[in-house]
PDB file of all heavy atoms in Angstrom:
ATOM      1  N   TRP A   1     -13.825  -1.298   8.522  1.00  0.00           N
ATOM      2  CA  TRP A   1     -14.678  -0.495   9.409  1.00  0.00           C
ATOM      3  C   TRP A   1     -14.631   0.979   9.011  1.00  0.00           C
ATOM      4  O   TRP A   1     -15.645   1.677   9.080  1.00  0.00           O
ATOM      5  CB  TRP A   1     -14.263  -0.677  10.862  1.00  0.00           C
ATOM      6  CG  TRP A   1     -14.005  -2.104  11.251  1.00  0.00           C
ATOM      7  CD1 TRP A   1     -12.943  -2.602  11.942  1.00  0.00           C
ATOM      8  CD2 TRP A   1     -14.835  -3.252  10.954  1.00  0.00           C
ATOM      9  NE1 TRP A   1     -13.049  -3.963  12.092  1.00  0.00           N
ATOM     10  CE2 TRP A   1     -14.196  -4.390  11.500  1.00  0.00           C
ATOM     11  CE3 TRP A   1     -16.040  -3.427  10.274  1.00  0.00           C
ATOM     12  CZ2 TRP A   1     -14.722  -5.673  11.389  1.00  0.00           C
ATOM     13  CZ3 TRP A   1     -16.570  -4.707  10.159  1.00  0.00           C
ATOM     14  CH2 TRP A   1     -15.918  -5.802  10.705  1.00  0.00           C
ATOM     15  N   LYS A   2     -13.466   1.463   8.585  1.00  0.00           N
ATOM     16  CA  LYS A   2     -13.347   2.874   8.221  1.00  0.00           C
ATOM     17  C   LYS A   2     -14.196   3.197   6.995  1.00  0.00           C
ATOM     18  O   LYS A   2     -14.879   4.218   6.950  1.00  0.00           O
ATOM     19  CB  LYS A   2     -11.879   3.224   7.951  1.00  0.00           C
ATOM     20  CG  LYS A   2     -11.627   4.718   7.796  1.00  0.00           C
ATOM     21  CD  LYS A   2     -10.136   5.025   7.836  1.00  0.00           C
ATOM     22  CE  LYS A   2      -9.894   6.514   7.942  1.00  0.00           C
ATOM     23  NZ  LYS A   2      -8.463   6.852   8.053  1.00  0.00           N
ATOM     24  N   CYS A   3     -14.154   2.325   5.991  1.00  0.00           N
ATOM     25  CA  CYS A   3     -14.987   2.550   4.798  1.00  0.00           C
ATOM     26  C   CYS A   3     -16.467   2.512   5.149  1.00  0.00           C
ATOM     27  O   CYS A   3     -17.261   3.296   4.628  1.00  0.00           O
ATOM     28  CB  CYS A   3     -14.669   1.508   3.718  1.00  0.00           C
ATOM     29  SG  CYS A   3     -13.045   1.697   2.952  1.00  0.00           S
ATOM     30  N   ALA A   4     -16.835   1.603   6.049  1.00  0.00           N
ATOM     31  CA  ALA A   4     -18.240   1.498   6.452  1.00  0.00           C
ATOM     32  C   ALA A   4     -18.694   2.737   7.206  1.00  0.00           C
ATOM     33  O   ALA A   4     -19.832   3.196   7.040  1.00  0.00           O
ATOM     34  CB  ALA A   4     -18.455   0.249   7.305  1.00  0.00           C
ATOM     35  N   VAL A   5     -17.826   3.312   8.036  1.00  0.00           N
ATOM     36  CA  VAL A   5     -18.179   4.492   8.825  1.00  0.00           C
ATOM     37  C   VAL A   5     -18.580   5.653   7.930  1.00  0.00           C
ATOM     38  O   VAL A   5     -19.546   6.377   8.217  1.00  0.00           O
ATOM     39  CB  VAL A   5     -17.005   4.892   9.750  1.00  0.00           C
ATOM     40  CG1 VAL A   5     -17.142   6.332  10.230  1.00  0.00           C
ATOM     41  CG2 VAL A   5     -16.946   3.963  10.954  1.00  0.00           C
ATOM     42  N   VAL A   6     -17.845   5.862   6.835  1.00  0.00           N
ATOM     43  CA  VAL A   6     -18.147   6.997   5.951  1.00  0.00           C
ATOM     44  C   VAL A   6     -19.022   6.603   4.768  1.00  0.00           C
ATOM     45  O   VAL A   6     -19.256   7.384   3.850  1.00  0.00           O
ATOM     46  CB  VAL A   6     -16.862   7.696   5.452  1.00  0.00           C
ATOM     47  CG1 VAL A   6     -16.222   8.488   6.561  1.00  0.00           C
ATOM     48  CG2 VAL A   6     -15.874   6.700   4.865  1.00  0.00           C
ATOM     49  N   ASN A   7     -19.505   5.356   4.788  1.00  0.00           N
ATOM     50  CA  ASN A   7     -20.492   4.903   3.802  1.00  0.00           C
ATOM     51  C   ASN A   7     -20.006   4.979   2.365  1.00  0.00           C
ATOM     52  O   ASN A   7     -20.715   5.427   1.471  1.00  0.00           O
ATOM     53  CB  ASN A   7     -21.795   5.700   3.966  1.00  0.00           C
ATOM     54  CG  ASN A   7     -22.462   5.436   5.289  1.00  0.00           C
ATOM     55  OD1 ASN A   7     -22.894   4.322   5.571  1.00  0.00           O
ATOM     56  ND2 ASN A   7     -22.523   6.448   6.144  1.00  0.00           N
ATOM     57  N   VAL A   8     -18.760   4.533   2.153  1.00  0.00           N
ATOM     58  CA  VAL A   8     -18.293   4.341   0.784  1.00  0.00           C
ATOM     59  C   VAL A   8     -18.409   2.849   0.471  1.00  0.00           C
ATOM     60  O   VAL A   8     -18.214   2.010   1.361  1.00  0.00           O
ATOM     61  CB  VAL A   8     -16.847   4.848   0.575  1.00  0.00           C
ATOM     62  CG1 VAL A   8     -16.764   6.340   0.838  1.00  0.00           C
ATOM     63  CG2 VAL A   8     -15.850   4.104   1.434  1.00  0.00           C
ATOM     64  N   PRO A   9     -18.745   2.485  -0.760  1.00  0.00           N
ATOM     65  CA  PRO A   9     -19.061   1.091  -1.088  1.00  0.00           C
ATOM     66  C   PRO A   9     -17.826   0.230  -1.305  1.00  0.00           C
ATOM     67  O   PRO A   9     -17.625  -0.363  -2.378  1.00  0.00           O
ATOM     68  CB  PRO A   9     -19.882   1.228  -2.378  1.00  0.00           C
ATOM     69  CG  PRO A   9     -19.316   2.445  -3.037  1.00  0.00           C
ATOM     70  CD  PRO A   9     -18.960   3.382  -1.909  1.00  0.00           C
ATOM     71  N   PHE A  10     -16.973   0.169  -0.303  1.00  0.00           N
ATOM     72  CA  PHE A  10     -15.755  -0.627  -0.370  1.00  0.00           C
ATOM     73  C   PHE A  10     -15.659  -1.535   0.838  1.00  0.00           C
ATOM     74  O   PHE A  10     -16.141  -1.219   1.924  1.00  0.00           O
ATOM     75  CB  PHE A  10     -14.506   0.273  -0.368  1.00  0.00           C
ATOM     76  CG  PHE A  10     -14.291   1.084  -1.614  1.00  0.00           C
ATOM     77  CD1 PHE A  10     -13.855   2.398  -1.518  1.00  0.00           C
ATOM     78  CD2 PHE A  10     -14.498   0.546  -2.873  1.00  0.00           C
ATOM     79  CE1 PHE A  10     -13.628   3.156  -2.652  1.00  0.00           C
ATOM     80  CE2 PHE A  10     -14.279   1.298  -4.015  1.00  0.00           C
ATOM     81  CZ  PHE A  10     -13.837   2.610  -3.907  1.00  0.00           C
ATOM     82  N   GLY A  11     -14.988  -2.659   0.635  1.00  0.00           N
ATOM     83  CA  GLY A  11     -14.535  -3.466   1.745  1.00  0.00           C
ATOM     84  C   GLY A  11     -13.133  -3.026   2.121  1.00  0.00           C
ATOM     85  O   GLY A  11     -12.600  -2.058   1.581  1.00  0.00           O
ATOM     86  N   GLY A  12     -12.520  -3.762   3.044  1.00  0.00           N
ATOM     87  CA  GLY A  12     -11.202  -3.359   3.518  1.00  0.00           C
ATOM     88  C   GLY A  12     -10.105  -4.282   3.034  1.00  0.00           C
ATOM     89  O   GLY A  12     -10.282  -5.508   2.982  1.00  0.00           O
ATOM     90  N   ALA A  13      -8.960  -3.688   2.682  1.00  0.00           N
ATOM     91  CA  ALA A  13      -7.787  -4.460   2.283  1.00  0.00           C
ATOM     92  C   ALA A  13      -6.540  -3.698   2.702  1.00  0.00           C
ATOM     93  O   ALA A  13      -6.594  -2.522   3.058  1.00  0.00           O
ATOM     94  CB  ALA A  13      -7.788  -4.703   0.777  1.00  0.00           C
ATOM     95  N   LYS A  14      -5.413  -4.371   2.658  1.00  0.00           N
ATOM     96  CA  LYS A  14      -4.127  -3.728   2.894  1.00  0.00           C
ATOM     97  C   LYS A  14      -3.049  -4.581   2.245  1.00  0.00           C
ATOM     98  O   LYS A  14      -3.229  -5.799   2.080  1.00  0.00           O
ATOM     99  CB  LYS A  14      -3.844  -3.592   4.398  1.00  0.00           C
ATOM    100  CG  LYS A  14      -2.973  -2.399   4.735  1.00  0.00           C
ATOM    101  CD  LYS A  14      -3.730  -1.101   4.568  1.00  0.00           C
ATOM    102  CE  LYS A  14      -2.905   0.106   4.990  1.00  0.00           C
ATOM    103  NZ  LYS A  14      -3.667   1.361   4.909  1.00  0.00           N
ATOM    104  N   GLY A  15      -1.963  -3.950   1.884  1.00  0.00           N
ATOM    105  CA  GLY A  15      -0.857  -4.676   1.271  1.00  0.00           C
ATOM    106  C   GLY A  15       0.463  -4.174   1.803  1.00  0.00           C
ATOM    107  O   GLY A  15       0.550  -3.082   2.374  1.00  0.00           O
ATOM    108  N   GLY A  16       1.501  -4.980   1.592  1.00  0.00           N
ATOM    109  CA  GLY A  16       2.819  -4.565   2.027  1.00  0.00           C
ATOM    110  C   GLY A  16       3.910  -5.347   1.330  1.00  0.00           C
ATOM    111  O   GLY A  16       3.696  -6.479   0.888  1.00  0.00           O
ATOM    112  N   VAL A  17       5.069  -4.729   1.223  1.00  0.00           N
ATOM    113  CA  VAL A  17       6.275  -5.399   0.746  1.00  0.00           C
ATOM    114  C   VAL A  17       7.362  -5.140   1.776  1.00  0.00           C
ATOM    115  O   VAL A  17       7.594  -3.990   2.163  1.00  0.00           O
ATOM    116  CB  VAL A  17       6.714  -4.884  -0.638  1.00  0.00           C
ATOM    117  CG1 VAL A  17       8.041  -5.526  -1.044  1.00  0.00           C
ATOM    118  CG2 VAL A  17       5.646  -5.167  -1.692  1.00  0.00           C
ATOM    119  N   ARG A  18       8.010  -6.213   2.216  1.00  0.00           N
ATOM    120  CA  ARG A  18       9.053  -6.061   3.221  1.00  0.00           C
ATOM    121  C   ARG A  18      10.351  -5.622   2.541  1.00  0.00           C
ATOM    122  O   ARG A  18      11.043  -6.419   1.895  1.00  0.00           O
ATOM    123  CB  ARG A  18       9.267  -7.374   3.972  1.00  0.00           C
ATOM    124  CG  ARG A  18      10.214  -7.229   5.164  1.00  0.00           C
ATOM    125  CD  ARG A  18      10.401  -8.535   5.899  1.00  0.00           C
ATOM    126  NE  ARG A  18       9.152  -9.003   6.489  1.00  0.00           N
ATOM    127  CZ  ARG A  18       9.026 -10.166   7.096  1.00  0.00           C
ATOM    128  NH1 ARG A  18      10.052 -10.997   7.167  1.00  0.00           N
ATOM    129  NH2 ARG A  18       7.868 -10.533   7.625  1.00  0.00           N
ATOM    130  N   CYS A  19      10.637  -4.346   2.665  1.00  0.00           N
ATOM    131  CA  CYS A  19      11.837  -3.770   2.060  1.00  0.00           C
ATOM    132  C   CYS A  19      12.086  -2.424   2.726  1.00  0.00           C
ATOM    133  O   CYS A  19      11.219  -1.904   3.427  1.00  0.00           O
ATOM    134  CB  CYS A  19      11.664  -3.579   0.552  1.00  0.00           C
ATOM    135  SG  CYS A  19      10.434  -2.309   0.116  1.00  0.00           S
ATOM    136  N   ASN A  20      13.249  -1.858   2.496  1.00  0.00           N
ATOM    137  CA  ASN A  20      13.526  -0.502   2.952  1.00  0.00           C
ATOM    138  C   ASN A  20      13.613   0.388   1.726  1.00  0.00           C
ATOM    139  O   ASN A  20      14.635   0.395   1.025  1.00  0.00           O
ATOM    140  CB  ASN A  20      14.828  -0.436   3.750  1.00  0.00           C
ATOM    141  CG  ASN A  20      15.024   0.926   4.405  1.00  0.00           C
ATOM    142  OD1 ASN A  20      14.415   1.917   4.004  1.00  0.00           O
ATOM    143  ND2 ASN A  20      15.875   0.981   5.415  1.00  0.00           N
ATOM    144  N   PRO A  21      12.541   1.121   1.417  1.00  0.00           N
ATOM    145  CA  PRO A  21      12.534   1.910   0.177  1.00  0.00           C
ATOM    146  C   PRO A  21      13.627   2.959   0.118  1.00  0.00           C
ATOM    147  O   PRO A  21      14.050   3.359  -0.970  1.00  0.00           O
ATOM    148  CB  PRO A  21      11.139   2.548   0.169  1.00  0.00           C
ATOM    149  CG  PRO A  21      10.667   2.486   1.585  1.00  0.00           C
ATOM    150  CD  PRO A  21      11.304   1.286   2.183  1.00  0.00           C
ATOM    151  N   ARG A  22      14.133   3.396   1.289  1.00  0.00           N
ATOM    152  CA  ARG A  22      15.194   4.398   1.296  1.00  0.00           C
ATOM    153  C   ARG A  22      16.521   3.835   0.814  1.00  0.00           C
ATOM    154  O   ARG A  22      17.421   4.578   0.423  1.00  0.00           O
ATOM    155  CB  ARG A  22      15.361   4.972   2.709  1.00  0.00           C
ATOM    156  CG  ARG A  22      14.140   5.745   3.209  1.00  0.00           C
ATOM    157  CD  ARG A  22      14.393   6.364   4.563  1.00  0.00           C
ATOM    158  NE  ARG A  22      13.232   7.129   5.023  1.00  0.00           N
ATOM    159  CZ  ARG A  22      13.189   7.821   6.158  1.00  0.00           C
ATOM    160  NH1 ARG A  22      14.268   7.843   6.946  1.00  0.00           N
ATOM    161  NH2 ARG A  22      12.115   8.481   6.501  1.00  0.00           N
ATOM    162  N   GLU A  23      16.646   2.506   0.863  1.00  0.00           N
ATOM    163  CA  GLU A  23      17.887   1.878   0.420  1.00  0.00           C
ATOM    164  C   GLU A  23      17.823   1.420  -1.025  1.00  0.00           C
ATOM    165  O   GLU A  23      18.807   0.868  -1.546  1.00  0.00           O
ATOM    166  CB  GLU A  23      18.209   0.679   1.331  1.00  0.00           C
ATOM    167  CG  GLU A  23      18.486   1.069   2.778  1.00  0.00           C
ATOM    168  CD  GLU A  23      18.760  -0.129   3.659  1.00  0.00           C
ATOM    169  OE1 GLU A  23      18.619  -1.271   3.165  1.00  0.00           O
ATOM    170  OE2 GLU A  23      19.098   0.062   4.843  1.00  0.00           O
ATOM    171  N   LEU A  24      16.682   1.637  -1.682  1.00  0.00           N
ATOM    172  CA  LEU A  24      16.512   1.211  -3.069  1.00  0.00           C
ATOM    173  C   LEU A  24      16.555   2.412  -4.002  1.00  0.00           C
ATOM    174  O   LEU A  24      16.041   3.489  -3.671  1.00  0.00           O
ATOM    175  CB  LEU A  24      15.179   0.472  -3.237  1.00  0.00           C
ATOM    176  CG  LEU A  24      14.990  -0.787  -2.374  1.00  0.00           C
ATOM    177  CD1 LEU A  24      13.597  -1.366  -2.587  1.00  0.00           C
ATOM    178  CD2 LEU A  24      16.050  -1.832  -2.689  1.00  0.00           C
ATOM    179  N   SER A  25      17.149   2.227  -5.165  1.00  0.00           N
ATOM    180  CA  SER A  25      17.178   3.289  -6.159  1.00  0.00           C
ATOM    181  C   SER A  25      15.805   3.417  -6.811  1.00  0.00           C
ATOM    182  O   SER A  25      14.978   2.495  -6.720  1.00  0.00           O
ATOM    183  CB  SER A  25      18.220   2.977  -7.234  1.00  0.00           C
ATOM    184  OG  SER A  25      17.776   1.905  -8.065  1.00  0.00           O
ATOM    185  N   PRO A  26      15.528   4.522  -7.496  1.00  0.00           N
ATOM    186  CA  PRO A  26      14.241   4.650  -8.201  1.00  0.00           C
ATOM    187  C   PRO A  26      13.984   3.511  -9.185  1.00  0.00           C
ATOM    188  O   PRO A  26      12.857   3.020  -9.278  1.00  0.00           O
ATOM    189  CB  PRO A  26      14.367   6.001  -8.917  1.00  0.00           C
ATOM    190  CG  PRO A  26      15.299   6.796  -8.054  1.00  0.00           C
ATOM    191  CD  PRO A  26      16.291   5.790  -7.529  1.00  0.00           C
ATOM    192  N   ARG A  27      15.026   3.057  -9.877  1.00  0.00           N
ATOM    193  CA  ARG A  27      14.833   1.961 -10.834  1.00  0.00           C
ATOM    194  C   ARG A  27      14.534   0.644 -10.105  1.00  0.00           C
ATOM    195  O   ARG A  27      13.723  -0.158 -10.570  1.00  0.00           O
ATOM    196  CB  ARG A  27      16.076   1.808 -11.701  1.00  0.00           C
ATOM    197  CG  ARG A  27      16.310   2.963 -12.670  1.00  0.00           C
ATOM    198  CD  ARG A  27      15.223   3.032 -13.734  1.00  0.00           C
ATOM    199  NE  ARG A  27      15.187   1.835 -14.558  1.00  0.00           N
ATOM    200  CZ  ARG A  27      14.161   1.495 -15.334  1.00  0.00           C
ATOM    201  NH1 ARG A  27      13.066   2.250 -15.342  1.00  0.00           N
ATOM    202  NH2 ARG A  27      14.194   0.405 -16.074  1.00  0.00           N
ATOM    203  N   GLU A  28      15.197   0.423  -8.971  1.00  0.00           N
ATOM    204  CA  GLU A  28      14.926  -0.792  -8.198  1.00  0.00           C
ATOM    205  C   GLU A  28      13.514  -0.767  -7.636  1.00  0.00           C
ATOM    206  O   GLU A  28      12.816  -1.797  -7.628  1.00  0.00           O
ATOM    207  CB  GLU A  28      15.953  -0.929  -7.071  1.00  0.00           C
ATOM    208  CG  GLU A  28      17.348  -1.282  -7.568  1.00  0.00           C
ATOM    209  CD  GLU A  28      18.422  -1.144  -6.502  1.00  0.00           C
ATOM    210  OE1 GLU A  28      18.178  -0.424  -5.495  1.00  0.00           O
ATOM    211  OE2 GLU A  28      19.503  -1.735  -6.679  1.00  0.00           O
ATOM    212  N   LEU A  29      13.072   0.394  -7.162  1.00  0.00           N
ATOM    213  CA  LEU A  29      11.700   0.525  -6.668  1.00  0.00           C
ATOM    214  C   LEU A  29      10.692   0.261  -7.769  1.00  0.00           C
ATOM    215  O   LEU A  29       9.660  -0.383  -7.543  1.00  0.00           O
ATOM    216  CB  LEU A  29      11.474   1.929  -6.088  1.00  0.00           C
ATOM    217  CG  LEU A  29      11.967   2.169  -4.666  1.00  0.00           C
ATOM    218  CD1 LEU A  29      11.881   3.646  -4.317  1.00  0.00           C
ATOM    219  CD2 LEU A  29      11.166   1.344  -3.660  1.00  0.00           C
ATOM    220  N   GLU A  30      10.985   0.762  -8.953  1.00  0.00           N
ATOM    221  CA  GLU A  30      10.058   0.535 -10.070  1.00  0.00           C
ATOM    222  C   GLU A  30       9.988  -0.941 -10.419  1.00  0.00           C
ATOM    223  O   GLU A  30       8.892  -1.495 -10.609  1.00  0.00           O
ATOM    224  CB  GLU A  30      10.489   1.337 -11.298  1.00  0.00           C
ATOM    225  CG  GLU A  30       9.553   1.129 -12.485  1.00  0.00           C
ATOM    226  CD  GLU A  30       9.903   1.965 -13.706  1.00  0.00           C
ATOM    227  OE1 GLU A  30      10.825   2.801 -13.613  1.00  0.00           O
ATOM    228  OE2 GLU A  30       9.238   1.776 -14.744  1.00  0.00           O
ATOM    229  N   ARG A  31      11.155  -1.625 -10.491  1.00  0.00           N
ATOM    230  CA  ARG A  31      11.145  -3.054 -10.829  1.00  0.00           C
ATOM    231  C   ARG A  31      10.424  -3.854  -9.744  1.00  0.00           C
ATOM    232  O   ARG A  31       9.672  -4.790 -10.048  1.00  0.00           O
ATOM    233  CB  ARG A  31      12.581  -3.558 -11.010  1.00  0.00           C
ATOM    234  CG  ARG A  31      13.253  -3.043 -12.285  1.00  0.00           C
ATOM    235  CD  ARG A  31      14.528  -3.796 -12.590  1.00  0.00           C
ATOM    236  NE  ARG A  31      15.618  -3.442 -11.685  1.00  0.00           N
ATOM    237  CZ  ARG A  31      16.498  -2.473 -11.896  1.00  0.00           C
ATOM    238  NH1 ARG A  31      16.411  -1.734 -12.998  1.00  0.00           N
ATOM    239  NH2 ARG A  31      17.463  -2.243 -11.032  1.00  0.00           N
ATOM    240  N   LEU A  32      10.653  -3.481  -8.483  1.00  0.00           N
ATOM    241  CA  LEU A  32       9.970  -4.148  -7.365  1.00  0.00           C
ATOM    242  C   LEU A  32       8.461  -3.976  -7.472  1.00  0.00           C
ATOM    243  O   LEU A  32       7.687  -4.934  -7.339  1.00  0.00           O
ATOM    244  CB  LEU A  32      10.484  -3.575  -6.047  1.00  0.00           C
ATOM    245  CG  LEU A  32       9.780  -4.019  -4.754  1.00  0.00           C
ATOM    246  CD1 LEU A  32      10.043  -5.486  -4.490  1.00  0.00           C
ATOM    247  CD2 LEU A  32      10.237  -3.177  -3.572  1.00  0.00           C
TER     248      LEU A  32
END
């Protein structure tokens, strides 16, 4: 709905990974 409101030619999507990024090192975040 947000993309449609401002008339950009996109549909809507979302993604997620269940993790706590604050508990992961930069290398672990990169591998994830």
